[in-house]
Every structure is written in structure tokens, then in C-alpha cells.
Amino acid sequence: MHFIDQARITIRAGRGGDGIVSFRREKYVPAGGPSGGDGGKGGHIILKADSNLQTLLDFKYKRVILGEDGQRGGPNKCTGASGKDVWIKVPCGTEVRDCSTGVILGDLTQDGQELIAAFGGRGGLGNAHFLSNRNRAPEKFTEGREGEEWILQLELKLLAEVGIIGLPNAGKSTLISVLSSARPKIADYPFTTLIPNLGVVRRPTGDGTVFADIPGLISGAAQGAGLGHDFLRHIERTKLLIHLVDASASNPVEDLRVVEHELESYGHGLTDRPRILVLNKKELLDENELLNLINVLTQASRSKLLLISAAMSKGLAELLEEVWKKLEI
């Protein structure tokens, strides 16, 4: 399944039906009078969050969505049938934005949450509405109104409590694979992860917490470089970030600064988000090199540093203990 987290669609709600001009012509009913009915209203277009969906793939092939028009009125003051509403299912976490103004129309984060994205047009009035003492046989009616039309930008932001960030090949996919049942692609070259991966990690209480492995960031990601820019939005909803640093990298301190700088450049309050700094692949350094690196990183980050080996499943219990502690604050 392709992971599509952005889509642009055009929606147009149904047009209201026209009113009509009609007069009663029945035997034994003298001066029957006007009896033109009103038109039916046009159908709305409604977005609904569905927890069973994980991607906006459907909108890659269907980009224009039309509502059903209302029917014109009938004689004997019969109102025309209203157009049926069109329901569009989107993944939970979908943000709906008007392309012309940039205004956010809605943020569908709960399963079953609904948003009327375009209202159907009102039906026209039949001539029965224009009967008066001065005009006993009106021939006036009104046409139905057009439904609303919008060009919408849909953006999916994953609903994960914990985001795992870092430079490419820092071991993010390996970490989420050993913490959960997620099975992302893992290889010894950069940019192995091309889409965010989700995994559920069980707490000691038995509840599940969603972790997200975000594709690797590089310098300039916030301005559009590399793959990370497309997926930075997915950590906007997280409560906690795990910043993974590769102990075997040529300059781990610079790697730390690059990611921190990209978080600051992207904004959206990411620098204020609680973070856990984790040094991965500790098994690749000898004891002296590891101690020196710990001192340097601790001074550079001014925060507590955890040591793990995701590949060898070492230090994970201490990491999860720190995660649960931070989430409870």
C-alpha cells in the first residue's frame, strides 16, 4: 500500500432544485390557485474520520467530488427530493485546509468525527409562496442555489504519542522493530525509511502507546532538503520525542546539532516538546571512546543521555521507563 499523506481535491455540493409554476385544476374546485412546489436542497459533502484508513491514497485517483443535486418542485405544493449527502472517509489525523485562503476548516482526529466541507444549495420557491391579496395567480418562482465549491488541501498527520527522530541510519527503524511488532525495512545505508512507520508498544499497565519512526532528517530539511521535510508534520502531534544519535558516526555532536537546528527551523513548538536524548550503537565503541563521547554529548545537549544498543536489545528497559515517566508528567 502506498503511503500518501497529502492530497488536493475539488469538491462541489449539490445544487438546489428549482421551484415551479403550477395551478390547481380540479373538478369542483373553483379558483384552485397556485400550487407550485419548492425545489429540494442539494446534497452536502461531508468528511468523516475512519480509524481503519492509514493513507490518503484514494484521493490520488479521485480528485473531483460532486454532490447530488436536488430535484425541482412538483404540482400540488409537492417539494422536490433533496440530493443525497456524499460521505468521504479520511484517516484519523487529517487536517482540512482551504487552498485559496490557507484557513484550516477542520482537524479530524477522532474516529467518526465529521466535518461538513461543502453545504448543498437551497431549493428554489414555487409560485405558491407568492400568493397575496394583490396577486391571486402569481407566475413567479425562484431557481435553486448553487452548492458550495472548494479546493481543499488534505494533510495527514500521524496520531502517535512518541516520535523517534534522528539522522539517516541512526537506527530508528531497528529501535521501533524491537520495541513493537512493526516490521519496517532495515538496511545499512541511509534513507532506508521512506515513509513513517507506526508501532504499538505496551505499557506495564497493558495499555498501548503508538510510536512513530520518522524518516531521517538532514541539514536543510525544514527548507525542503531530503525526505524529512515531507514528514516533519507527523511529529507535530507527538507528546514526546526520542532523539536517536549514532555512536559510530564520524561526528555525533554535529549530528545532534543538525537535528536540533531543523526542529527549531521548522517551528510549530517542536523545540518545546519533551525530548529524550539516546545514544545508539554503543557496542561499536570501546569503553574509553564511549566515555569521551558521553561527556561531549552531555555538555553539548545539557541534558541526560541514555545509552542503548537497539540491534542487541540492550538498554531498552531503561529507555521505556524514561518514556513512561515523561508521558505521565
Foldseek 3Di string as FASTA:
>chain_A
DDAAFKAKAKEWWAWWAWWAWDFDDDPPCPLRFTFIAWWAWTAFEKEFAAQVDRHPVVCVVHRYYYTHYTHYTDGNHRYTHYTHHHYHYDHAQKWKAFPVPRDTQDGRHDHGDMGRPKTTWHIKGYCVVVDDPVDRRDRDIGGTGTIDMTIIMIGHADQFQEEEAFAFQLCLQLQLVLQFVWDQDDDNDGQSDQQKTWGWGADPVRDTGIYIYQHYDFACLLVPPDRRVSHPSNCLNYQEYEYGFELPDPDRLVRVVRVLVSLVSNDSCSNVRHYAYEYEPPVVDDPVSSVVVLVVNCVSVVDDYFYAYSVVGGRVVVVVVVVVVSVVD
